[in-house]
Amino acid sequence: MASLSQVDPTLSPNKPHSSLLTGDTSQRTLRVYRSNNEDVTPTEVTRFCKANGSGKLGRIAIQEDGSAVLDLPTKRAERLCRNIQAVADESDDDDVLDGWTIEIPMRL
């Protein structure tokens, strides 16, 4: 049945496999927001991401809820998330990231 539907049975339904913005399989969509529900700006998102090793960023779109979404190549997106998690894990300060949160969402 899977061969008829051309669905790859090795893909997990619990992990994104492409950009949610463009459908590009080589990219992942990141959602960046502040835990205190403050709206973010593209400049703030760029500063936060670059300070944590993102490299060059493309277009940053601000959502209705005040969060930002952007696409990065898969390896860079995963590295950025790992870097931010490492910063949080290494610090005794609960607010070391100043309220910033980043995730690779399943849907927007």
C-alpha atoms as a PDB file:
ATOM      1  CA  MET A   1       0.000   0.000   0.000  1.00  0.00           C
ATOM      2  CA  ALA A   2       2.849   2.411   0.848  1.00  0.00           C
ATOM      3  CA  SER A   3       4.422   1.841  -2.562  1.00  0.00           C
ATOM      4  CA  LEU A   4       1.153   2.696  -4.267  1.00  0.00           C
ATOM      5  CA  SER A   5       0.807   5.938  -2.329  1.00  0.00           C
ATOM      6  CA  GLN A   6       4.482   6.813  -2.858  1.00  0.00           C
ATOM      7  CA  VAL A   7       4.815   7.545   0.868  1.00  0.00           C
ATOM      8  CA  ASP A   8       8.243   6.926   2.346  1.00  0.00           C
ATOM      9  CA  PRO A   9       7.632   4.473   5.228  1.00  0.00           C
ATOM     10  CA  THR A  10      10.914   5.503   6.908  1.00  0.00           C
ATOM     11  CA  LEU A  11       9.654   9.026   7.614  1.00  0.00           C
ATOM     12  CA  SER A  12       8.389   9.615  11.129  1.00  0.00           C
ATOM     13  CA  PRO A  13       5.045  11.382  11.453  1.00  0.00           C
ATOM     14  CA  ASN A  14       6.341  12.998  14.662  1.00  0.00           C
ATOM     15  CA  LYS A  15       9.248  14.894  13.100  1.00  0.00           C
ATOM     16  CA  PRO A  16       9.132  17.615  10.423  1.00  0.00           C
ATOM     17  CA  HIS A  17      10.732  16.629   7.131  1.00  0.00           C
ATOM     18  CA  SER A  18      10.532  19.881   5.209  1.00  0.00           C
ATOM     19  CA  SER A  19      10.013  23.610   5.511  1.00  0.00           C
ATOM     20  CA  LEU A  20       6.535  24.540   6.673  1.00  0.00           C
ATOM     21  CA  LEU A  21       6.858  27.779   4.697  1.00  0.00           C
ATOM     22  CA  THR A  22       7.993  26.489   1.298  1.00  0.00           C
ATOM     23  CA  GLY A  23       7.876  22.686   1.428  1.00  0.00           C
ATOM     24  CA  ASP A  24      11.616  22.508   0.636  1.00  0.00           C
ATOM     25  CA  THR A  25      12.920  19.212   2.033  1.00  0.00           C
ATOM     26  CA  SER A  26      16.415  20.644   2.587  1.00  0.00           C
ATOM     27  CA  GLN A  27      15.103  23.328   4.976  1.00  0.00           C
ATOM     28  CA  ARG A  28      13.432  23.371   8.389  1.00  0.00           C
ATOM     29  CA  THR A  29      11.158  26.045   9.760  1.00  0.00           C
ATOM     30  CA  LEU A  30      12.090  27.524  13.139  1.00  0.00           C
ATOM     31  CA  ARG A  31       9.735  29.390  15.440  1.00  0.00           C
ATOM     32  CA  VAL A  32      11.342  31.954  17.758  1.00  0.00           C
ATOM     33  CA  TYR A  33       9.453  33.702  20.540  1.00  0.00           C
ATOM     34  CA  ARG A  34       9.718  35.240  23.983  1.00  0.00           C
ATOM     35  CA  SER A  35       8.282  33.259  26.887  1.00  0.00           C
ATOM     36  CA  ASN A  36       6.803  36.445  28.376  1.00  0.00           C
ATOM     37  CA  ASN A  37       4.608  36.808  25.238  1.00  0.00           C
ATOM     38  CA  GLU A  38       6.330  39.999  24.102  1.00  0.00           C
ATOM     39  CA  ASP A  39       6.205  40.538  20.346  1.00  0.00           C
ATOM     40  CA  VAL A  40       9.567  40.033  18.656  1.00  0.00           C
ATOM     41  CA  THR A  41      11.079  41.991  15.794  1.00  0.00           C
ATOM     42  CA  PRO A  42      13.181  40.657  12.910  1.00  0.00           C
ATOM     43  CA  THR A  43      16.173  42.606  14.259  1.00  0.00           C
ATOM     44  CA  GLU A  44      15.881  40.986  17.709  1.00  0.00           C
ATOM     45  CA  VAL A  45      15.462  37.518  16.187  1.00  0.00           C
ATOM     46  CA  THR A  46      18.492  38.031  13.958  1.00  0.00           C
ATOM     47  CA  ARG A  47      20.605  39.190  16.903  1.00  0.00           C
ATOM     48  CA  PHE A  48      19.509  36.220  19.062  1.00  0.00           C
ATOM     49  CA  CYS A  49      20.037  33.607  16.349  1.00  0.00           C
ATOM     50  CA  LYS A  50      23.400  34.930  15.150  1.00  0.00           C
ATOM     51  CA  ALA A  51      24.676  35.156  18.729  1.00  0.00           C
ATOM     52  CA  ASN A  52      23.948  31.436  19.012  1.00  0.00           C
ATOM     53  CA  GLY A  53      25.659  30.348  15.794  1.00  0.00           C
ATOM     54  CA  SER A  54      22.946  30.427  13.138  1.00  0.00           C
ATOM     55  CA  GLY A  55      25.026  31.953  10.390  1.00  0.00           C
ATOM     56  CA  LYS A  56      23.269  33.891   7.654  1.00  0.00           C
ATOM     57  CA  LEU A  57      19.489  34.137   8.025  1.00  0.00           C
ATOM     58  CA  GLY A  58      16.899  34.514   5.317  1.00  0.00           C
ATOM     59  CA  ARG A  59      13.485  36.123   5.520  1.00  0.00           C
ATOM     60  CA  ILE A  60      11.961  36.358   8.998  1.00  0.00           C
ATOM     61  CA  ALA A  61       8.160  36.491   9.129  1.00  0.00           C
ATOM     62  CA  ILE A  62       6.342  37.798  12.194  1.00  0.00           C
ATOM     63  CA  GLN A  63       3.203  35.823  13.028  1.00  0.00           C
ATOM     64  CA  GLU A  64      -0.091  37.107  14.444  1.00  0.00           C
ATOM     65  CA  ASP A  65       0.847  35.783  17.877  1.00  0.00           C
ATOM     66  CA  GLY A  66       4.021  37.916  17.909  1.00  0.00           C
ATOM     67  CA  SER A  67       6.433  35.028  17.300  1.00  0.00           C
ATOM     68  CA  ALA A  68       8.769  34.817  14.309  1.00  0.00           C
ATOM     69  CA  VAL A  69       9.255  32.018  11.797  1.00  0.00           C
ATOM     70  CA  LEU A  70      12.158  31.477   9.439  1.00  0.00           C
ATOM     71  CA  ASP A  71      13.721  28.728   7.379  1.00  0.00           C
ATOM     72  CA  LEU A  72      17.258  27.447   7.725  1.00  0.00           C
ATOM     73  CA  PRO A  73      19.026  24.518   6.078  1.00  0.00           C
ATOM     74  CA  THR A  74      18.362  21.381   8.147  1.00  0.00           C
ATOM     75  CA  LYS A  75      21.856  21.000   9.631  1.00  0.00           C
ATOM     76  CA  ARG A  76      22.086  24.684  10.598  1.00  0.00           C
ATOM     77  CA  ALA A  77      18.605  24.630  12.152  1.00  0.00           C
ATOM     78  CA  GLU A  78      19.445  21.562  14.236  1.00  0.00           C
ATOM     79  CA  ARG A  79      22.833  23.028  15.235  1.00  0.00           C
ATOM     80  CA  LEU A  80      21.196  26.292  16.329  1.00  0.00           C
ATOM     81  CA  CYS A  81      18.674  24.422  18.479  1.00  0.00           C
ATOM     82  CA  ARG A  82      21.481  22.312  20.014  1.00  0.00           C
ATOM     83  CA  ASN A  83      23.584  25.427  20.726  1.00  0.00           C
ATOM     84  CA  ILE A  84      20.703  27.158  22.476  1.00  0.00           C
ATOM     85  CA  GLN A  85      19.884  24.035  24.503  1.00  0.00           C
ATOM     86  CA  ALA A  86      23.548  23.749  25.523  1.00  0.00           C
ATOM     87  CA  VAL A  87      23.576  27.360  26.734  1.00  0.00           C
ATOM     88  CA  ALA A  88      20.457  26.709  28.812  1.00  0.00           C
ATOM     89  CA  ASP A  89      21.839  23.418  30.195  1.00  0.00           C
ATOM     90  CA  GLU A  90      25.211  24.909  31.179  1.00  0.00           C
ATOM     91  CA  SER A  91      23.830  27.836  33.140  1.00  0.00           C
ATOM     92  CA  ASP A  92      22.477  27.935  36.681  1.00  0.00           C
ATOM     93  CA  ASP A  93      20.504  31.041  35.708  1.00  0.00           C
ATOM     94  CA  ASP A  94      16.940  30.044  34.779  1.00  0.00           C
ATOM     95  CA  ASP A  95      16.652  33.074  32.505  1.00  0.00           C
ATOM     96  CA  VAL A  96      20.036  32.813  30.785  1.00  0.00           C
ATOM     97  CA  LEU A  97      18.302  33.131  27.405  1.00  0.00           C
ATOM     98  CA  ASP A  98      16.412  36.240  28.557  1.00  0.00           C
ATOM     99  CA  GLY A  99      13.060  34.610  27.852  1.00  0.00           C
ATOM    100  CA  TRP A 100      13.892  33.491  24.313  1.00  0.00           C
ATOM    101  CA  THR A 101      12.601  30.139  23.068  1.00  0.00           C
ATOM    102  CA  ILE A 102      13.252  28.385  19.760  1.00  0.00           C
ATOM    103  CA  GLU A 103      11.621  25.284  18.326  1.00  0.00           C
ATOM    104  CA  ILE A 104      11.195  23.299  15.144  1.00  0.00           C
ATOM    105  CA  PRO A 105       7.396  23.154  14.984  1.00  0.00           C
ATOM    106  CA  MET A 106       5.275  20.405  13.429  1.00  0.00           C
ATOM    107  CA  ARG A 107       2.742  22.974  12.200  1.00  0.00           C
ATOM    108  CA  LEU A 108       2.228  26.728  12.206  1.00  0.00           C
END
